[in-house]
Amino acid sequence: MTPSKLNSFLTLKLPSAFICGVRVKEITNDLCVVGVKHRWINQNPFKSMYFAVQSMASELSTGALLIKKLSIRKEAFSMLVVKHEGEFVKKATGRIRFVCEDGHLVDDAIEQALETGEGVVLTMRSTGRNEDNQIVSNYNYTWSIKKKTKR
């Protein structure tokens, strides 16, 4: 799972995010960094980045970590966002980077889902910062994951 593969995925499966400039910059076992630049195509009437674009980028930073960790398993899993909360601290202009560092939470949730056979929910945080490293927004995504059963 590399940034280029995830960005190709965006082109095919999430074209609106791709058109708005959302791109995976880095992904490891512990973190995912997603970047987006404030441009005409993704701005609001107040000359800052539209909240929905920030939401797309922040969700991708959490979801890509899940996808990466679930894809290395032999078992098939389903995943779904069940709750989303956003807090806007400062106008989002320039280049914004959304960072999720919750890879350890994903590992714990996968193990729990495998042990119990039940769905597991986990909340992952993504923080958006501008080029001056100032926080522009914070997001929490609650994901549900469950091992798929064979039919």
N, C-alpha and C. Protein backbone atom coordinates (compact mmCIF):
# COMPACT_ATOMS: atom_id res chain seq x y z
N MET A 1 0.85 -1.17 0.00
CA MET A 1 0.00 0.00 0.00
C MET A 1 0.90 1.23 0.00
N THR A 2 0.90 1.94 -1.11
CA THR A 2 1.75 3.11 -1.27
C THR A 2 0.88 4.34 -1.56
N PRO A 3 1.43 5.53 -1.35
CA PRO A 3 0.67 6.73 -1.70
C PRO A 3 0.20 6.75 -3.16
N SER A 4 1.05 6.29 -4.08
CA SER A 4 0.64 6.32 -5.50
C SER A 4 -0.51 5.36 -5.77
N LYS A 5 -0.51 4.20 -5.13
CA LYS A 5 -1.63 3.26 -5.30
C LYS A 5 -2.92 3.84 -4.71
N LEU A 6 -2.81 4.46 -3.55
CA LEU A 6 -3.99 5.07 -2.94
C LEU A 6 -4.50 6.24 -3.77
N ASN A 7 -3.60 7.02 -4.36
CA ASN A 7 -4.03 8.14 -5.20
C ASN A 7 -4.68 7.64 -6.49
N SER A 8 -4.23 6.50 -7.01
CA SER A 8 -4.89 5.89 -8.18
C SER A 8 -6.29 5.43 -7.78
N PHE A 9 -6.42 4.88 -6.59
CA PHE A 9 -7.71 4.48 -6.05
C PHE A 9 -8.66 5.68 -6.01
N LEU A 10 -8.13 6.83 -5.57
CA LEU A 10 -8.94 8.05 -5.53
C LEU A 10 -9.50 8.40 -6.91
N THR A 11 -8.67 8.31 -7.90
CA THR A 11 -9.09 8.66 -9.25
C THR A 11 -10.29 7.84 -9.69
N LEU A 12 -10.28 6.55 -9.37
CA LEU A 12 -11.34 5.66 -9.82
C LEU A 12 -12.54 5.60 -8.89
N LYS A 13 -12.31 5.62 -7.58
CA LYS A 13 -13.38 5.39 -6.62
C LYS A 13 -13.89 6.64 -5.90
N LEU A 14 -13.06 7.66 -5.82
CA LEU A 14 -13.44 8.92 -5.17
C LEU A 14 -13.04 10.11 -6.04
N PRO A 15 -13.63 10.20 -7.23
CA PRO A 15 -13.18 11.25 -8.16
C PRO A 15 -13.36 12.66 -7.64
N SER A 16 -14.37 12.93 -6.83
CA SER A 16 -14.55 14.30 -6.33
C SER A 16 -13.38 14.70 -5.44
N ALA A 17 -12.87 13.78 -4.63
CA ALA A 17 -11.70 14.07 -3.80
C ALA A 17 -10.49 14.32 -4.68
N PHE A 18 -10.33 13.51 -5.72
CA PHE A 18 -9.19 13.68 -6.62
C PHE A 18 -9.25 15.04 -7.33
N ILE A 19 -10.42 15.40 -7.82
CA ILE A 19 -10.59 16.67 -8.53
C ILE A 19 -10.30 17.85 -7.61
N CYS A 20 -10.67 17.72 -6.35
CA CYS A 20 -10.44 18.80 -5.38
C CYS A 20 -8.98 18.87 -4.91
N GLY A 21 -8.16 17.92 -5.31
CA GLY A 21 -6.73 17.97 -5.00
C GLY A 21 -6.30 17.18 -3.79
N VAL A 22 -7.16 16.33 -3.25
CA VAL A 22 -6.82 15.51 -2.10
C VAL A 22 -5.82 14.43 -2.54
N ARG A 23 -4.68 14.34 -1.84
CA ARG A 23 -3.66 13.35 -2.19
C ARG A 23 -3.02 12.75 -0.94
N VAL A 24 -2.80 11.45 -0.98
CA VAL A 24 -2.04 10.79 0.09
C VAL A 24 -0.57 11.13 -0.12
N LYS A 25 0.08 11.63 0.92
CA LYS A 25 1.48 12.02 0.84
C LYS A 25 2.41 10.98 1.47
N GLU A 26 1.92 10.34 2.53
CA GLU A 26 2.75 9.37 3.25
C GLU A 26 1.84 8.40 3.99
N ILE A 27 2.23 7.13 4.01
CA ILE A 27 1.51 6.15 4.82
C ILE A 27 2.51 5.13 5.36
N THR A 28 2.41 4.90 6.66
CA THR A 28 3.23 3.90 7.33
C THR A 28 2.28 3.04 8.16
N ASN A 29 2.83 2.16 8.97
CA ASN A 29 1.99 1.36 9.86
C ASN A 29 1.38 2.18 10.98
N ASP A 30 1.95 3.34 11.26
CA ASP A 30 1.49 4.14 12.38
C ASP A 30 0.72 5.39 11.98
N LEU A 31 1.00 5.92 10.81
CA LEU A 31 0.37 7.19 10.46
C LEU A 31 0.07 7.28 8.98
N CYS A 32 -0.82 8.23 8.67
CA CYS A 32 -1.12 8.56 7.28
C CYS A 32 -1.22 10.07 7.18
N VAL A 33 -0.59 10.63 6.15
CA VAL A 33 -0.60 12.06 5.89
C VAL A 33 -1.27 12.29 4.55
N VAL A 34 -2.30 13.14 4.56
CA VAL A 34 -3.03 13.49 3.34
C VAL A 34 -2.95 15.00 3.18
N GLY A 35 -2.61 15.43 1.97
CA GLY A 35 -2.48 16.85 1.70
C GLY A 35 -3.51 17.35 0.71
N VAL A 36 -3.84 18.62 0.83
CA VAL A 36 -4.73 19.29 -0.12
C VAL A 36 -4.39 20.78 -0.10
N LYS A 37 -4.40 21.38 -1.27
CA LYS A 37 -4.07 22.79 -1.39
C LYS A 37 -5.35 23.58 -1.66
N HIS A 38 -5.49 24.71 -0.95
CA HIS A 38 -6.62 25.60 -1.17
C HIS A 38 -6.52 26.17 -2.59
N ARG A 39 -7.57 25.92 -3.37
CA ARG A 39 -7.62 26.41 -4.75
C ARG A 39 -9.04 26.87 -5.05
N TRP A 40 -9.24 27.43 -6.20
CA TRP A 40 -10.55 27.90 -6.61
C TRP A 40 -11.58 26.77 -6.58
N ILE A 41 -11.21 25.59 -7.03
CA ILE A 41 -12.15 24.47 -7.14
C ILE A 41 -12.65 23.98 -5.79
N ASN A 42 -11.90 24.23 -4.71
CA ASN A 42 -12.30 23.69 -3.41
C ASN A 42 -12.55 24.76 -2.35
N GLN A 43 -12.81 25.99 -2.80
CA GLN A 43 -13.01 27.07 -1.83
C GLN A 43 -14.49 27.32 -1.54
N ASN A 44 -14.74 27.97 -0.43
CA ASN A 44 -16.07 28.41 -0.05
C ASN A 44 -16.21 29.90 -0.36
N PRO A 45 -17.35 30.51 -0.16
CA PRO A 45 -17.51 31.94 -0.45
C PRO A 45 -16.65 32.86 0.42
N PHE A 46 -16.06 32.32 1.49
CA PHE A 46 -15.26 33.12 2.41
C PHE A 46 -13.77 33.02 2.11
N LYS A 47 -13.44 32.49 0.94
CA LYS A 47 -12.06 32.40 0.44
C LYS A 47 -11.17 31.53 1.31
N SER A 48 -11.75 30.45 1.81
CA SER A 48 -10.96 29.42 2.49
C SER A 48 -11.47 28.07 1.98
N MET A 49 -10.82 27.00 2.41
CA MET A 49 -11.18 25.68 1.92
C MET A 49 -12.54 25.25 2.46
N TYR A 50 -13.36 24.77 1.56
CA TYR A 50 -14.69 24.30 1.90
C TYR A 50 -14.59 23.14 2.88
N PHE A 51 -15.49 23.12 3.87
CA PHE A 51 -15.41 22.11 4.93
C PHE A 51 -15.50 20.69 4.38
N ALA A 52 -16.25 20.49 3.31
CA ALA A 52 -16.40 19.14 2.76
C ALA A 52 -15.08 18.61 2.20
N VAL A 53 -14.26 19.49 1.67
CA VAL A 53 -12.95 19.08 1.16
C VAL A 53 -12.05 18.69 2.33
N GLN A 54 -12.12 19.47 3.41
CA GLN A 54 -11.36 19.11 4.60
C GLN A 54 -11.84 17.77 5.14
N SER A 55 -13.14 17.55 5.09
CA SER A 55 -13.69 16.27 5.56
C SER A 55 -13.19 15.11 4.70
N MET A 56 -13.17 15.30 3.38
CA MET A 56 -12.68 14.22 2.50
C MET A 56 -11.23 13.87 2.82
N ALA A 57 -10.41 14.91 2.98
CA ALA A 57 -8.98 14.67 3.23
C ALA A 57 -8.76 14.03 4.60
N SER A 58 -9.48 14.51 5.60
CA SER A 58 -9.29 13.95 6.94
C SER A 58 -9.81 12.52 7.03
N GLU A 59 -10.95 12.26 6.39
CA GLU A 59 -11.46 10.89 6.40
C GLU A 59 -10.48 9.93 5.72
N LEU A 60 -9.91 10.38 4.61
CA LEU A 60 -8.95 9.53 3.90
C LEU A 60 -7.74 9.21 4.78
N SER A 61 -7.31 10.17 5.59
CA SER A 61 -6.14 9.89 6.45
C SER A 61 -6.44 8.78 7.46
N THR A 62 -7.69 8.67 7.90
CA THR A 62 -8.05 7.59 8.83
C THR A 62 -8.36 6.31 8.07
N GLY A 63 -9.13 6.43 7.00
CA GLY A 63 -9.55 5.26 6.23
C GLY A 63 -8.40 4.55 5.54
N ALA A 64 -7.41 5.31 5.07
CA ALA A 64 -6.27 4.68 4.40
C ALA A 64 -5.49 3.80 5.37
N LEU A 65 -5.37 4.23 6.63
CA LEU A 65 -4.71 3.39 7.63
C LEU A 65 -5.47 2.08 7.83
N LEU A 66 -6.79 2.18 7.89
CA LEU A 66 -7.61 0.97 8.01
C LEU A 66 -7.42 0.06 6.81
N ILE A 67 -7.52 0.63 5.63
CA ILE A 67 -7.37 -0.15 4.40
C ILE A 67 -6.01 -0.84 4.37
N LYS A 68 -4.96 -0.10 4.71
CA LYS A 68 -3.61 -0.68 4.70
C LYS A 68 -3.51 -1.87 5.63
N LYS A 69 -3.99 -1.71 6.85
CA LYS A 69 -3.85 -2.78 7.84
C LYS A 69 -4.78 -3.95 7.56
N LEU A 70 -5.96 -3.69 7.04
CA LEU A 70 -6.88 -4.78 6.72
C LEU A 70 -6.44 -5.55 5.48
N SER A 71 -5.78 -4.86 4.55
CA SER A 71 -5.39 -5.51 3.29
C SER A 71 -4.29 -6.55 3.46
N ILE A 72 -3.53 -6.48 4.55
CA ILE A 72 -2.46 -7.47 4.75
C ILE A 72 -2.96 -8.72 5.47
N ARG A 73 -4.21 -8.71 5.87
CA ARG A 73 -4.82 -9.86 6.55
C ARG A 73 -5.35 -10.86 5.53
N LYS A 74 -5.37 -12.13 5.92
CA LYS A 74 -5.95 -13.16 5.05
C LYS A 74 -7.48 -13.08 5.08
N GLU A 75 -8.01 -12.61 6.20
CA GLU A 75 -9.46 -12.52 6.36
C GLU A 75 -10.00 -11.26 5.66
N ALA A 76 -11.24 -11.36 5.19
CA ALA A 76 -11.90 -10.20 4.59
C ALA A 76 -12.68 -9.46 5.66
N PHE A 77 -12.65 -8.14 5.62
CA PHE A 77 -13.34 -7.30 6.58
C PHE A 77 -14.24 -6.31 5.84
N SER A 78 -15.29 -5.89 6.55
CA SER A 78 -16.07 -4.76 6.08
C SER A 78 -15.73 -3.58 6.98
N MET A 79 -15.85 -2.37 6.44
CA MET A 79 -15.56 -1.17 7.21
C MET A 79 -16.53 -0.08 6.81
N LEU A 80 -16.91 0.74 7.78
CA LEU A 80 -17.92 1.77 7.54
C LEU A 80 -17.75 2.88 8.56
N VAL A 81 -17.85 4.14 8.11
CA VAL A 81 -17.88 5.27 9.03
C VAL A 81 -19.27 5.32 9.65
N VAL A 82 -19.33 5.34 10.99
CA VAL A 82 -20.63 5.39 11.68
C VAL A 82 -20.84 6.72 12.40
N LYS A 83 -19.78 7.51 12.54
CA LYS A 83 -19.91 8.82 13.16
C LYS A 83 -18.75 9.69 12.71
N HIS A 84 -19.03 11.00 12.62
CA HIS A 84 -18.05 11.95 12.12
C HIS A 84 -18.25 13.27 12.87
N GLU A 85 -17.18 13.81 13.43
CA GLU A 85 -17.24 15.10 14.11
C GLU A 85 -16.09 15.97 13.63
N GLY A 86 -16.40 17.23 13.37
CA GLY A 86 -15.38 18.17 12.93
C GLY A 86 -15.38 19.44 13.76
N GLU A 87 -14.19 19.99 13.97
CA GLU A 87 -14.03 21.25 14.68
C GLU A 87 -13.13 22.13 13.82
N PHE A 88 -13.57 23.34 13.57
CA PHE A 88 -12.82 24.26 12.71
C PHE A 88 -12.23 25.36 13.57
N VAL A 89 -10.91 25.47 13.56
CA VAL A 89 -10.18 26.34 14.45
C VAL A 89 -9.74 27.62 13.76
N LYS A 90 -9.36 27.50 12.49
CA LYS A 90 -8.78 28.62 11.76
C LYS A 90 -9.11 28.45 10.28
N LYS A 91 -9.15 29.56 9.54
CA LYS A 91 -9.39 29.48 8.10
C LYS A 91 -8.35 28.58 7.44
N ALA A 92 -8.81 27.70 6.59
CA ALA A 92 -7.90 26.78 5.90
C ALA A 92 -7.54 27.37 4.54
N THR A 93 -6.33 27.91 4.46
CA THR A 93 -5.81 28.46 3.21
C THR A 93 -4.40 27.91 3.01
N GLY A 94 -3.94 27.94 1.77
CA GLY A 94 -2.62 27.39 1.47
C GLY A 94 -2.67 25.87 1.44
N ARG A 95 -1.54 25.25 1.74
CA ARG A 95 -1.46 23.79 1.78
C ARG A 95 -1.83 23.30 3.18
N ILE A 96 -2.75 22.34 3.21
CA ILE A 96 -3.19 21.76 4.48
C ILE A 96 -2.82 20.29 4.48
N ARG A 97 -2.27 19.83 5.60
CA ARG A 97 -1.90 18.42 5.76
C ARG A 97 -2.71 17.84 6.91
N PHE A 98 -3.40 16.75 6.62
CA PHE A 98 -4.18 16.04 7.62
C PHE A 98 -3.39 14.81 8.04
N VAL A 99 -3.16 14.68 9.33
CA VAL A 99 -2.34 13.59 9.85
C VAL A 99 -3.17 12.78 10.85
N CYS A 100 -3.18 11.47 10.63
CA CYS A 100 -3.76 10.53 11.58
C CYS A 100 -2.63 9.63 12.04
N GLU A 101 -2.47 9.53 13.36
CA GLU A 101 -1.40 8.73 13.94
C GLU A 101 -1.96 7.59 14.79
N ASP A 102 -3.08 7.04 14.39
CA ASP A 102 -3.79 6.05 15.19
C ASP A 102 -3.65 4.61 14.69
N GLY A 103 -2.54 4.30 14.04
CA GLY A 103 -2.33 2.94 13.56
C GLY A 103 -2.41 1.90 14.66
N HIS A 104 -1.96 2.23 15.85
CA HIS A 104 -2.01 1.28 16.98
C HIS A 104 -3.44 0.94 17.36
N LEU A 105 -4.36 1.91 17.22
CA LEU A 105 -5.77 1.64 17.52
C LEU A 105 -6.36 0.64 16.53
N VAL A 106 -5.92 0.75 15.28
CA VAL A 106 -6.41 -0.17 14.24
C VAL A 106 -5.97 -1.59 14.56
N ASP A 107 -4.71 -1.76 14.95
CA ASP A 107 -4.21 -3.09 15.30
C ASP A 107 -5.04 -3.72 16.42
N ASP A 108 -5.32 -2.93 17.45
CA ASP A 108 -6.11 -3.43 18.58
C ASP A 108 -7.52 -3.81 18.15
N ALA A 109 -8.14 -2.99 17.31
CA ALA A 109 -9.51 -3.26 16.86
C ALA A 109 -9.57 -4.50 15.98
N ILE A 110 -8.59 -4.69 15.12
CA ILE A 110 -8.56 -5.88 14.26
C ILE A 110 -8.44 -7.13 15.11
N GLU A 111 -7.55 -7.10 16.08
CA GLU A 111 -7.38 -8.27 16.96
C GLU A 111 -8.67 -8.58 17.72
N GLN A 112 -9.32 -7.55 18.20
CA GLN A 112 -10.58 -7.74 18.92
C GLN A 112 -11.66 -8.32 18.00
N ALA A 113 -11.74 -7.81 16.78
CA ALA A 113 -12.73 -8.31 15.82
C ALA A 113 -12.47 -9.77 15.48
N LEU A 114 -11.21 -10.16 15.35
CA LEU A 114 -10.87 -11.54 15.05
C LEU A 114 -11.17 -12.46 16.23
N GLU A 115 -10.89 -11.99 17.43
CA GLU A 115 -11.12 -12.81 18.63
C GLU A 115 -12.60 -13.03 18.90
N THR A 116 -13.40 -11.97 18.74
CA THR A 116 -14.81 -12.05 19.13
C THR A 116 -15.73 -12.43 17.97
N GLY A 117 -15.30 -12.16 16.74
CA GLY A 117 -16.17 -12.39 15.59
C GLY A 117 -17.26 -11.34 15.47
N GLU A 118 -17.23 -10.36 16.34
CA GLU A 118 -18.23 -9.29 16.35
C GLU A 118 -17.66 -8.03 15.70
N GLY A 119 -18.56 -7.11 15.41
CA GLY A 119 -18.12 -5.81 14.92
C GLY A 119 -17.46 -5.03 16.03
N VAL A 120 -16.49 -4.21 15.67
CA VAL A 120 -15.75 -3.40 16.62
C VAL A 120 -15.77 -1.95 16.11
N VAL A 121 -15.99 -1.02 17.02
CA VAL A 121 -15.92 0.40 16.64
C VAL A 121 -14.66 1.01 17.24
N LEU A 122 -14.06 1.91 16.49
CA LEU A 122 -12.90 2.63 16.97
C LEU A 122 -12.98 4.05 16.45
N THR A 123 -12.52 4.98 17.26
CA THR A 123 -12.53 6.38 16.87
C THR A 123 -11.10 6.82 16.60
N MET A 124 -10.92 7.39 15.41
CA MET A 124 -9.61 7.83 14.96
C MET A 124 -9.64 9.34 14.76
N ARG A 125 -8.54 9.99 15.09
CA ARG A 125 -8.44 11.45 15.00
C ARG A 125 -7.54 11.85 13.84
N SER A 126 -7.94 12.91 13.16
CA SER A 126 -7.14 13.51 12.10
C SER A 126 -7.04 15.00 12.36
N THR A 127 -5.83 15.52 12.35
CA THR A 127 -5.60 16.93 12.62
C THR A 127 -5.08 17.60 11.35
N GLY A 128 -5.75 18.70 10.96
CA GLY A 128 -5.33 19.46 9.80
C GLY A 128 -4.50 20.67 10.22
N ARG A 129 -3.35 20.81 9.59
CA ARG A 129 -2.45 21.93 9.90
C ARG A 129 -2.06 22.65 8.62
N ASN A 130 -1.87 23.96 8.73
CA ASN A 130 -1.44 24.74 7.57
C ASN A 130 0.08 24.73 7.45
N GLU A 131 0.58 25.54 6.53
CA GLU A 131 2.03 25.56 6.27
C GLU A 131 2.83 26.12 7.43
N ASP A 132 2.17 26.87 8.32
CA ASP A 132 2.83 27.40 9.51
C ASP A 132 2.66 26.47 10.71
N ASN A 133 2.18 25.25 10.46
CA ASN A 133 1.97 24.23 11.47
C ASN A 133 0.88 24.60 12.48
N GLN A 134 0.01 25.53 12.09
CA GLN A 134 -1.12 25.91 12.94
C GLN A 134 -2.29 24.97 12.64
N ILE A 135 -2.98 24.57 13.69
CA ILE A 135 -4.14 23.70 13.51
C ILE A 135 -5.27 24.50 12.88
N VAL A 136 -5.83 23.96 11.78
CA VAL A 136 -6.99 24.58 11.15
C VAL A 136 -8.26 23.80 11.44
N SER A 137 -8.15 22.49 11.63
CA SER A 137 -9.33 21.69 11.95
C SER A 137 -8.92 20.36 12.58
N ASN A 138 -9.85 19.84 13.37
CA ASN A 138 -9.69 18.53 14.00
C ASN A 138 -10.93 17.70 13.67
N TYR A 139 -10.71 16.45 13.36
CA TYR A 139 -11.81 15.55 13.04
C TYR A 139 -11.67 14.27 13.84
N ASN A 140 -12.81 13.71 14.21
CA ASN A 140 -12.87 12.38 14.79
C ASN A 140 -13.80 11.54 13.92
N TYR A 141 -13.32 10.38 13.51
CA TYR A 141 -14.12 9.44 12.72
C TYR A 141 -14.27 8.16 13.52
N THR A 142 -15.50 7.74 13.69
CA THR A 142 -15.76 6.46 14.33
C THR A 142 -16.05 5.46 13.23
N TRP A 143 -15.20 4.46 13.14
CA TRP A 143 -15.30 3.41 12.13
C TRP A 143 -15.82 2.14 12.79
N SER A 144 -16.56 1.38 12.03
CA SER A 144 -16.97 0.04 12.45
C SER A 144 -16.28 -0.94 11.52
N ILE A 145 -15.62 -1.95 12.10
CA ILE A 145 -15.02 -3.00 11.28
C ILE A 145 -15.55 -4.34 11.76
N LYS A 146 -15.70 -5.25 10.82
CA LYS A 146 -16.17 -6.59 11.17
C LYS A 146 -15.62 -7.58 10.15
N LYS A 147 -15.21 -8.72 10.67
CA LYS A 147 -14.73 -9.79 9.81
C LYS A 147 -15.93 -10.33 9.03
N LYS A 148 -15.76 -10.47 7.74
CA LYS A 148 -16.83 -11.03 6.90
C LYS A 148 -16.91 -12.53 7.11
N THR A 149 -18.11 -13.04 7.06
CA THR A 149 -18.29 -14.48 7.20
C THR A 149 -18.45 -15.09 5.82
N LYS A 150 -17.96 -16.31 5.69
CA LYS A 150 -18.09 -17.02 4.41
C LYS A 150 -19.51 -17.52 4.25
N ARG A 151 -19.99 -17.49 3.04
CA ARG A 151 -21.36 -17.97 2.76
C ARG A 151 -21.31 -19.22 1.93
